[in-house]
C-alpha atoms as a PDB file:
ATOM      1  CA  MET A   1       7.458  22.791 -17.717  1.00  0.00           C
ATOM      2  CA  LYS A   2       3.839  21.731 -18.121  1.00  0.00           C
ATOM      3  CA  LEU A   3       2.505  19.705 -15.230  1.00  0.00           C
ATOM      4  CA  ARG A   4      -0.964  18.200 -15.203  1.00  0.00           C
ATOM      5  CA  LEU A   5      -2.837  20.002 -12.451  1.00  0.00           C
ATOM      6  CA  SER A   6      -4.964  17.154 -11.169  1.00  0.00           C
ATOM      7  CA  PRO A   7      -6.676  17.613  -7.808  1.00  0.00           C
ATOM      8  CA  GLN A   8      -3.940  15.451  -6.281  1.00  0.00           C
ATOM      9  CA  THR A   9      -1.162  17.592  -7.790  1.00  0.00           C
ATOM     10  CA  LEU A  10      -2.894  20.706  -6.492  1.00  0.00           C
ATOM     11  CA  LEU A  11      -2.919  19.163  -3.008  1.00  0.00           C
ATOM     12  CA  VAL A  12       0.844  18.612  -3.226  1.00  0.00           C
ATOM     13  CA  LEU A  13       1.485  22.170  -4.466  1.00  0.00           C
ATOM     14  CA  ASP A  14      -0.703  23.480  -1.656  1.00  0.00           C
ATOM     15  CA  ALA A  15       1.240  21.470   0.941  1.00  0.00           C
ATOM     16  CA  PHE A  16       4.525  22.935  -0.279  1.00  0.00           C
ATOM     17  CA  LEU A  17       3.093  26.471  -0.257  1.00  0.00           C
ATOM     18  CA  GLU A  18       2.348  26.247   3.483  1.00  0.00           C
ATOM     19  CA  GLN A  19       6.037  26.681   4.387  1.00  0.00           C
ATOM     20  CA  VAL A  20       7.887  27.268   1.148  1.00  0.00           C
ATOM     21  CA  GLU A  21      11.462  27.211   2.434  1.00  0.00           C
ATOM     22  CA  ASP A  22      11.198  24.059   4.538  1.00  0.00           C
ATOM     23  CA  TRP A  23      12.369  20.663   3.327  1.00  0.00           C
ATOM     24  CA  LYS A  24       9.541  18.132   3.389  1.00  0.00           C
ATOM     25  CA  TYR A  25       9.621  14.348   3.632  1.00  0.00           C
ATOM     26  CA  GLY A  26       7.398  12.136   1.516  1.00  0.00           C
ATOM     27  CA  TYR A  27       5.813  10.634   4.627  1.00  0.00           C
ATOM     28  CA  ASP A  28       4.914  14.088   5.959  1.00  0.00           C
ATOM     29  CA  LEU A  29       3.470  15.098   2.588  1.00  0.00           C
ATOM     30  CA  SER A  30       1.389  11.931   2.589  1.00  0.00           C
ATOM     31  CA  ARG A  31      -0.048  12.799   6.004  1.00  0.00           C
ATOM     32  CA  ILE A  32      -0.712  16.430   5.038  1.00  0.00           C
ATOM     33  CA  THR A  33      -2.373  15.630   1.720  1.00  0.00           C
ATOM     34  CA  GLY A  34      -3.974  12.310   2.567  1.00  0.00           C
ATOM     35  CA  LEU A  35      -2.445  10.826  -0.605  1.00  0.00           C
ATOM     36  CA  LYS A  36      -1.138   7.278  -0.651  1.00  0.00           C
ATOM     37  CA  SER A  37       2.457   6.668  -1.729  1.00  0.00           C
ATOM     38  CA  GLY A  38       1.402   5.216  -5.106  1.00  0.00           C
ATOM     39  CA  THR A  39      -0.166   8.576  -5.966  1.00  0.00           C
ATOM     40  CA  LEU A  40       2.183  10.938  -4.136  1.00  0.00           C
ATOM     41  CA  TYR A  41       5.603   9.710  -5.240  1.00  0.00           C
ATOM     42  CA  PRO A  42       4.882   9.788  -8.993  1.00  0.00           C
ATOM     43  CA  ILE A  43       3.735  13.405  -8.568  1.00  0.00           C
ATOM     44  CA  LEU A  44       6.927  14.257  -6.665  1.00  0.00           C
ATOM     45  CA  MET A  45       9.046  12.560  -9.340  1.00  0.00           C
ATOM     46  CA  ARG A  46       7.316  14.479 -12.146  1.00  0.00           C
ATOM     47  CA  MET A  47       7.763  17.743 -10.265  1.00  0.00           C
ATOM     48  CA  ALA A  48      11.465  17.006  -9.722  1.00  0.00           C
ATOM     49  CA  GLU A  49      11.965  16.022 -13.385  1.00  0.00           C
ATOM     50  CA  ARG A  50      10.456  19.374 -14.416  1.00  0.00           C
ATOM     51  CA  LYS A  51      12.809  21.191 -12.020  1.00  0.00           C
ATOM     52  CA  LEU A  52       9.954  22.367  -9.793  1.00  0.00           C
ATOM     53  CA  LEU A  53      11.414  20.555  -6.780  1.00  0.00           C
ATOM     54  CA  GLU A  54      14.933  20.014  -5.562  1.00  0.00           C
ATOM     55  CA  THR A  55      15.625  16.795  -3.728  1.00  0.00           C
ATOM     56  CA  GLN A  56      18.248  15.467  -1.367  1.00  0.00           C
ATOM     57  CA  TRP A  57      18.796  12.501   0.890  1.00  0.00           C
ATOM     58  CA  GLU A  58      18.938  13.114   4.620  1.00  0.00           C
ATOM     59  CA  GLN A  59      21.626  11.086   6.285  1.00  0.00           C
ATOM     60  CA  GLY A  60      19.817   9.435   9.144  1.00  0.00           C
ATOM     61  CA  GLU A  61      21.120   8.255  12.441  1.00  0.00           C
ATOM     62  CA  PRO A  62      23.033   4.973  12.463  1.00  0.00           C
ATOM     63  CA  GLY A  63      20.594   2.117  12.029  1.00  0.00           C
ATOM     64  CA  LYS A  64      17.948   4.301  10.375  1.00  0.00           C
ATOM     65  CA  PRO A  65      17.577   4.526   6.600  1.00  0.00           C
ATOM     66  CA  PRO A  66      18.148   7.888   4.905  1.00  0.00           C
ATOM     67  CA  ARG A  67      15.017   9.821   3.957  1.00  0.00           C
ATOM     68  CA  HIS A  68      14.338  11.674   0.719  1.00  0.00           C
ATOM     69  CA  MET A  69      13.523  15.351   1.199  1.00  0.00           C
ATOM     70  CA  TYR A  70      11.887  17.822  -1.182  1.00  0.00           C
ATOM     71  CA  ARG A  71      11.430  21.575  -1.486  1.00  0.00           C
ATOM     72  CA  PHE A  72      10.544  24.075  -4.183  1.00  0.00           C
ATOM     73  CA  THR A  73      13.099  25.415  -6.606  1.00  0.00           C
ATOM     74  CA  PRO A  74      12.657  29.131  -7.388  1.00  0.00           C
ATOM     75  CA  ASP A  75      10.874  28.136 -10.632  1.00  0.00           C
ATOM     76  CA  GLY A  76       8.706  25.687  -8.712  1.00  0.00           C
ATOM     77  CA  LEU A  77       7.656  28.349  -6.238  1.00  0.00           C
ATOM     78  CA  ARG A  78       6.718  30.758  -9.043  1.00  0.00           C
ATOM     79  CA  TYR A  79       4.795  27.992 -10.811  1.00  0.00           C
ATOM     80  CA  ALA A  80       2.903  26.993  -7.664  1.00  0.00           C
ATOM     81  CA  ARG A  81       2.016  30.573  -6.769  1.00  0.00           C
ATOM     82  CA  ALA A  82       0.820  31.311 -10.307  1.00  0.00           C
ATOM     83  CA  ASN A  83      -1.344  28.200 -10.342  1.00  0.00           C
ATOM     84  CA  ALA A  84      -2.658  28.824  -6.831  1.00  0.00           C
ATOM     85  CA  ARG A  85      -3.968  32.194  -7.996  1.00  0.00           C
ATOM     86  CA  ALA A  86      -5.378  30.635 -11.171  1.00  0.00           C
ATOM     87  CA  ASN A  87      -7.206  27.820  -9.362  1.00  0.00           C
ATOM     88  CA  SER A  88      -8.524  29.377  -6.132  1.00  0.00           C
ATOM     89  CA  SER A  89      -7.775  31.719  -3.309  1.00  0.00           C
ATOM     90  CA  GLY A  90      -6.185  29.153  -0.991  1.00  0.00           C
ATOM     91  CA  GLY A  91      -6.532  25.519  -0.102  1.00  0.00           C
ATOM     92  CA  LEU A  92      -6.586  24.855  -3.821  1.00  0.00           C
ATOM     93  CA  GLY A  93      -6.113  21.119  -3.554  1.00  0.00           C
ATOM     94  CA  GLN A  94      -8.692  20.796  -0.800  1.00  0.00           C
ATOM     95  CA  VAL A  95     -11.222  22.701  -2.931  1.00  0.00           C
ATOM     96  CA  ALA A  96     -10.344  20.666  -6.036  1.00  0.00           C
ATOM     97  CA  LEU A  97     -10.971  17.382  -4.195  1.00  0.00           C
ATOM     98  CA  GLY A  98     -14.207  18.683  -2.693  1.00  0.00           C
ATOM     99  CA  LEU A  99     -12.859  18.405   0.865  1.00  0.00           C
ATOM    100  CA  VAL A 100     -13.754  22.028   1.631  1.00  0.00           C
ATOM    101  CA  GLU A 101     -16.029  24.532  -0.047  1.00  0.00           C
ATOM    102  CA  ALA A 102     -14.634  27.414  -2.076  1.00  0.00           C
END
């Protein structure tokens, strides 16, 4: 279940830790993290492949395309919490990218 903990991956883990039980959309994660889709979606795919995230398609209103949603699996939540403690005391991705001071 190894996942490379790049600063960008830490930002994504941090975003999911804000409200762990909520489903999140890729677009919302992009806004929260500041990551572009070419960086964000490969991270989400790797996390899903490693069973850290569960995914589902939201059936949109007629005329609107369905949206992909993500949330932690129980293993994903444990992994994120363990790595949050190992990397900093909060805002781990923000600290890793140098956006805020530790």
